[in-house]
């Protein structure tokens, strides 16, 4: 699981692959979110979309800052 890979202080077998998949998914979602225009949404749906955008953007940024090893 990607969250286990992020939270673990010690590397374990499969951690690299889990993080790569997580970061690849975040990159894909990031580029999809950039294309979507904000339609008129209710305040609660807009807040939910804003939170999703924040989390996806954070994961994408984190993937860009990771050293490219393996």
C-alpha atoms as a PDB file:
ATOM      1  CA  UNK A   1       0.000   0.000   0.000  1.00  0.00           C
ATOM      2  CA  UNK A   2       1.356   3.484  -0.865  1.00  0.00           C
ATOM      3  CA  UNK A   3       0.504   5.013   2.494  1.00  0.00           C
ATOM      4  CA  UNK A   4       2.527   2.329   4.295  1.00  0.00           C
ATOM      5  CA  UNK A   5       5.495   3.173   2.062  1.00  0.00           C
ATOM      6  CA  UNK A   6       5.208   6.861   2.934  1.00  0.00           C
ATOM      7  CA  UNK A   7       4.839   6.299   6.679  1.00  0.00           C
ATOM      8  CA  UNK A   8       7.565   3.686   7.052  1.00  0.00           C
ATOM      9  CA  UNK A   9      10.889   4.859   8.464  1.00  0.00           C
ATOM     10  CA  UNK A  10      12.631   1.745   7.164  1.00  0.00           C
ATOM     11  CA  UNK A  11      12.540   0.681   3.532  1.00  0.00           C
ATOM     12  CA  UNK A  12      10.899  -2.660   2.794  1.00  0.00           C
ATOM     13  CA  UNK A  13      10.618  -4.854  -0.264  1.00  0.00           C
ATOM     14  CA  UNK A  14       8.069  -3.382  -2.638  1.00  0.00           C
ATOM     15  CA  UNK A  15       8.144   0.117  -1.125  1.00  0.00           C
ATOM     16  CA  UNK A  16       9.743   1.666  -4.206  1.00  0.00           C
ATOM     17  CA  UNK A  17       7.145   0.151  -6.553  1.00  0.00           C
ATOM     18  CA  UNK A  18       4.291   1.201  -4.264  1.00  0.00           C
ATOM     19  CA  UNK A  19       5.517   4.803  -4.144  1.00  0.00           C
ATOM     20  CA  UNK A  20       6.097   4.893  -7.894  1.00  0.00           C
ATOM     21  CA  UNK A  21       2.518   3.737  -8.556  1.00  0.00           C
ATOM     22  CA  UNK A  22       1.180   6.234  -6.018  1.00  0.00           C
ATOM     23  CA  UNK A  23       3.143   9.106  -7.557  1.00  0.00           C
ATOM     24  CA  UNK A  24       2.216   8.078 -11.114  1.00  0.00           C
ATOM     25  CA  UNK A  25      -1.457   8.057 -10.119  1.00  0.00           C
ATOM     26  CA  UNK A  26      -1.079  11.477  -8.453  1.00  0.00           C
ATOM     27  CA  UNK A  27       0.560  12.886 -11.596  1.00  0.00           C
ATOM     28  CA  UNK A  28      -2.270  11.561 -13.767  1.00  0.00           C
ATOM     29  CA  UNK A  29      -4.911  12.984 -11.431  1.00  0.00           C
ATOM     30  CA  UNK A  30      -3.037  16.296 -11.216  1.00  0.00           C
ATOM     31  CA  UNK A  31      -3.094  16.746 -14.980  1.00  0.00           C
ATOM     32  CA  UNK A  32      -6.773  15.740 -15.139  1.00  0.00           C
ATOM     33  CA  UNK A  33      -7.686  18.245 -12.406  1.00  0.00           C
ATOM     34  CA  UNK A  34      -5.893  21.025 -14.261  1.00  0.00           C
ATOM     35  CA  UNK A  35      -8.083  20.374 -17.313  1.00  0.00           C
ATOM     36  CA  UNK A  36     -11.366  20.403 -15.389  1.00  0.00           C
ATOM     37  CA  UNK A  37     -13.069  23.732 -15.061  1.00  0.00           C
ATOM     38  CA  UNK A  38     -14.885  24.560 -11.868  1.00  0.00           C
ATOM     39  CA  UNK A  39     -18.542  24.528 -12.739  1.00  0.00           C
ATOM     40  CA  UNK A  40     -21.045  26.101 -10.430  1.00  0.00           C
ATOM     41  CA  UNK A  41     -20.890  23.721  -7.497  1.00  0.00           C
ATOM     42  CA  UNK A  42     -22.494  23.822  -4.098  1.00  0.00           C
ATOM     43  CA  UNK A  43     -20.136  25.119  -1.374  1.00  0.00           C
ATOM     44  CA  UNK A  44     -19.686  21.626   0.099  1.00  0.00           C
ATOM     45  CA  UNK A  45     -18.877  20.056  -3.286  1.00  0.00           C
ATOM     46  CA  UNK A  46     -16.510  22.930  -4.119  1.00  0.00           C
ATOM     47  CA  UNK A  47     -14.752  22.464  -0.769  1.00  0.00           C
ATOM     48  CA  UNK A  48     -14.419  18.714  -1.418  1.00  0.00           C
ATOM     49  CA  UNK A  49     -12.987  19.380  -4.888  1.00  0.00           C
ATOM     50  CA  UNK A  50     -10.568  21.983  -3.469  1.00  0.00           C
ATOM     51  CA  UNK A  51      -9.332  19.520  -0.836  1.00  0.00           C
ATOM     52  CA  UNK A  52      -8.845  16.835  -3.483  1.00  0.00           C
ATOM     53  CA  UNK A  53      -6.937  19.317  -5.651  1.00  0.00           C
ATOM     54  CA  UNK A  54      -4.703  20.239  -2.689  1.00  0.00           C
ATOM     55  CA  UNK A  55      -3.904  16.617  -1.822  1.00  0.00           C
ATOM     56  CA  UNK A  56      -3.264  15.604  -5.423  1.00  0.00           C
ATOM     57  CA  UNK A  57      -1.082  18.667  -5.998  1.00  0.00           C
ATOM     58  CA  UNK A  58       0.898  17.892  -2.837  1.00  0.00           C
ATOM     59  CA  UNK A  59       1.479  14.276  -3.913  1.00  0.00           C
ATOM     60  CA  UNK A  60       2.502  15.404  -7.400  1.00  0.00           C
ATOM     61  CA  UNK A  61       4.943  17.955  -5.971  1.00  0.00           C
ATOM     62  CA  UNK A  62       6.355  15.338  -3.607  1.00  0.00           C
ATOM     63  CA  UNK A  63       6.894  12.979  -6.547  1.00  0.00           C
ATOM     64  CA  UNK A  64       8.844  15.677  -8.377  1.00  0.00           C
ATOM     65  CA  UNK A  65      11.089  16.202  -5.347  1.00  0.00           C
ATOM     66  CA  UNK A  66      11.908  12.512  -4.846  1.00  0.00           C
ATOM     67  CA  UNK A  67      15.367  11.457  -6.008  1.00  0.00           C
ATOM     68  CA  UNK A  68      15.218   9.323  -9.116  1.00  0.00           C
ATOM     69  CA  UNK A  69      16.779   6.048  -8.016  1.00  0.00           C
ATOM     70  CA  UNK A  70      16.496   2.505  -9.332  1.00  0.00           C
END
